[in-house]
């Protein structure tokens, strides 16, 4: 998440029942990247924008692409700010154009599958 423009600190990552859960704290301003939220940010005090908020993202890991153009992606199933559960689409709406690459990363061509088990991540290669 941090490499894609959403710095989280501290960050906790858990693997359970086919799902990956990432949870961490970030300044509220880091969530106001996309329209119309980015246009509202100048009207919010710096004190409020700098307040930390807990972000929770949960989803399944998918391997996509073919040949040498493969990537991993988290298909978001749950998104929450603090204790407020929000629709997963809101994460991408808040993050704007950077939201598309937020949970996507390049994979070596040899990676065939990524499975999530309880406390474990299994990577199958060709």
Protein backbone atom coordinates (compact mmCIF):
# COMPACT_ATOMS: atom_id res chain seq x y z
CA UNK A 1 0.00 0.00 0.00
CA UNK A 2 2.77 2.40 0.87
CA UNK A 3 4.56 2.11 -2.48
CA UNK A 4 1.31 3.02 -4.22
CA UNK A 5 0.76 6.27 -2.36
CA UNK A 6 -0.97 5.21 0.87
CA UNK A 7 1.61 5.26 3.67
CA UNK A 8 0.54 3.11 6.62
CA UNK A 9 2.41 3.01 9.91
CA UNK A 10 2.24 0.84 11.86
CA UNK A 11 0.99 -1.83 9.45
CA UNK A 12 -0.42 -5.27 10.22
CA UNK A 13 -0.92 -7.96 7.58
CA UNK A 14 -2.87 -11.15 8.28
CA UNK A 15 -3.66 -14.19 6.13
CA UNK A 16 -6.81 -16.15 6.91
CA UNK A 17 -9.40 -18.29 5.10
CA UNK A 18 -8.39 -17.22 1.59
CA UNK A 19 -8.32 -13.52 2.52
CA UNK A 20 -5.50 -11.06 3.12
CA UNK A 21 -6.11 -8.26 5.60
CA UNK A 22 -3.92 -5.14 5.76
CA UNK A 23 -4.51 -2.60 8.48
CA UNK A 24 -2.61 0.52 9.39
CA UNK A 25 -2.73 4.17 10.28
CA UNK A 26 -2.35 7.13 7.93
CA UNK A 27 -3.04 10.86 7.96
CA UNK A 28 -6.56 11.70 6.77
CA UNK A 29 -5.07 13.83 3.96
CA UNK A 30 -3.58 10.70 2.36
CA UNK A 31 -7.10 9.47 1.64
CA UNK A 32 -8.25 12.60 -0.20
CA UNK A 33 -6.56 12.04 -3.56
CA UNK A 34 -9.49 11.66 -5.97
CA UNK A 35 -12.25 14.02 -7.06
CA UNK A 36 -14.33 15.45 -5.48
CA UNK A 37 -12.40 14.82 -2.24
CA UNK A 38 -9.14 16.42 -3.44
CA UNK A 39 -11.05 19.64 -4.18
CA UNK A 40 -12.44 19.69 -0.62
CA UNK A 41 -9.06 19.29 1.09
CA UNK A 42 -8.10 23.00 0.90
CA UNK A 43 -11.21 23.83 2.94
CA UNK A 44 -10.33 21.44 5.77
CA UNK A 45 -7.94 22.59 8.49
CA UNK A 46 -4.40 21.19 8.50
CA UNK A 47 -5.03 19.93 12.03
CA UNK A 48 -7.95 17.81 10.81
CA UNK A 49 -6.08 16.65 7.67
CA UNK A 50 -3.11 15.52 9.76
CA UNK A 51 -5.24 13.45 12.17
CA UNK A 52 -4.45 9.75 11.96
CA UNK A 53 -7.13 7.35 10.80
CA UNK A 54 -7.07 3.55 10.82
CA UNK A 55 -7.50 1.97 7.40
CA UNK A 56 -8.49 -1.67 6.94
CA UNK A 57 -8.45 -3.37 3.55
CA UNK A 58 -9.40 -7.01 3.09
CA UNK A 59 -9.56 -9.04 -0.08
CA UNK A 60 -8.45 -12.00 -2.14
CA UNK A 61 -5.23 -12.23 -4.13
CA UNK A 62 -5.52 -12.81 -7.88
CA UNK A 63 -2.78 -13.57 -10.40
CA UNK A 64 -3.53 -11.92 -13.73
CA UNK A 65 -1.92 -11.51 -17.13
CA UNK A 66 -0.06 -13.90 -19.38
CA UNK A 67 3.53 -14.69 -20.30
CA UNK A 68 6.00 -12.11 -19.02
CA UNK A 69 3.25 -9.56 -18.33
CA UNK A 70 1.89 -10.96 -15.07
CA UNK A 71 0.79 -9.13 -11.97
CA UNK A 72 -0.77 -9.80 -8.60
CA UNK A 73 -3.85 -7.90 -7.50
CA UNK A 74 -5.91 -7.74 -4.34
CA UNK A 75 -9.62 -7.86 -5.16
CA UNK A 76 -10.95 -5.75 -2.28
CA UNK A 77 -13.92 -7.25 -0.44
CA UNK A 78 -13.91 -5.01 2.66
CA UNK A 79 -12.76 -1.44 3.29
CA UNK A 80 -13.07 0.41 6.59
CA UNK A 81 -11.99 3.72 8.05
CA UNK A 82 -11.75 3.36 11.80
CA UNK A 83 -14.70 1.17 12.79
CA UNK A 84 -16.85 2.38 9.89
CA UNK A 85 -17.18 -0.28 7.18
CA UNK A 86 -17.49 1.32 3.75
CA UNK A 87 -18.01 -0.06 0.28
CA UNK A 88 -14.83 -1.32 -1.36
CA UNK A 89 -15.40 1.05 -4.30
CA UNK A 90 -14.97 4.02 -1.93
CA UNK A 91 -11.27 3.17 -1.44
CA UNK A 92 -10.66 3.70 -5.15
CA UNK A 93 -12.90 6.77 -5.25
CA UNK A 94 -10.99 8.36 -2.37
CA UNK A 95 -7.60 7.56 -3.91
CA UNK A 96 -8.42 8.79 -7.41
CA UNK A 97 -6.18 7.74 -10.29
CA UNK A 98 -3.59 6.29 -7.89
CA UNK A 99 -6.27 3.92 -6.55
CA UNK A 100 -6.09 1.70 -9.62
CA UNK A 101 -2.52 0.67 -8.86
CA UNK A 102 -2.96 0.72 -5.12
CA UNK A 103 -3.20 -3.03 -4.68
CA UNK A 104 -1.47 -4.28 -7.81
CA UNK A 105 2.16 -5.32 -8.28
CA UNK A 106 4.32 -6.97 -10.97
CA UNK A 107 5.05 -10.69 -10.70
CA UNK A 108 7.78 -12.82 -12.25
CA UNK A 109 6.53 -14.90 -15.20
CA UNK A 110 7.14 -18.12 -13.22
CA UNK A 111 4.44 -17.33 -10.63
CA UNK A 112 1.36 -19.38 -11.45
CA UNK A 113 -0.85 -18.98 -8.36
CA UNK A 114 -0.95 -17.29 -4.96
CA UNK A 115 -3.12 -18.90 -2.28
CA UNK A 116 -3.85 -17.59 1.19
CA UNK A 117 -4.05 -20.03 4.09
CA UNK A 118 -4.36 -19.46 7.82
CA UNK A 119 -1.29 -17.43 8.67
CA UNK A 120 0.44 -18.46 5.44
CA UNK A 121 0.84 -17.40 1.84
CA UNK A 122 1.50 -20.12 -0.77
CA UNK A 123 3.16 -19.17 -4.05
CA UNK A 124 3.06 -21.81 -6.81
CA UNK A 125 5.51 -21.54 -9.68
CA UNK A 126 5.70 -23.22 -13.06
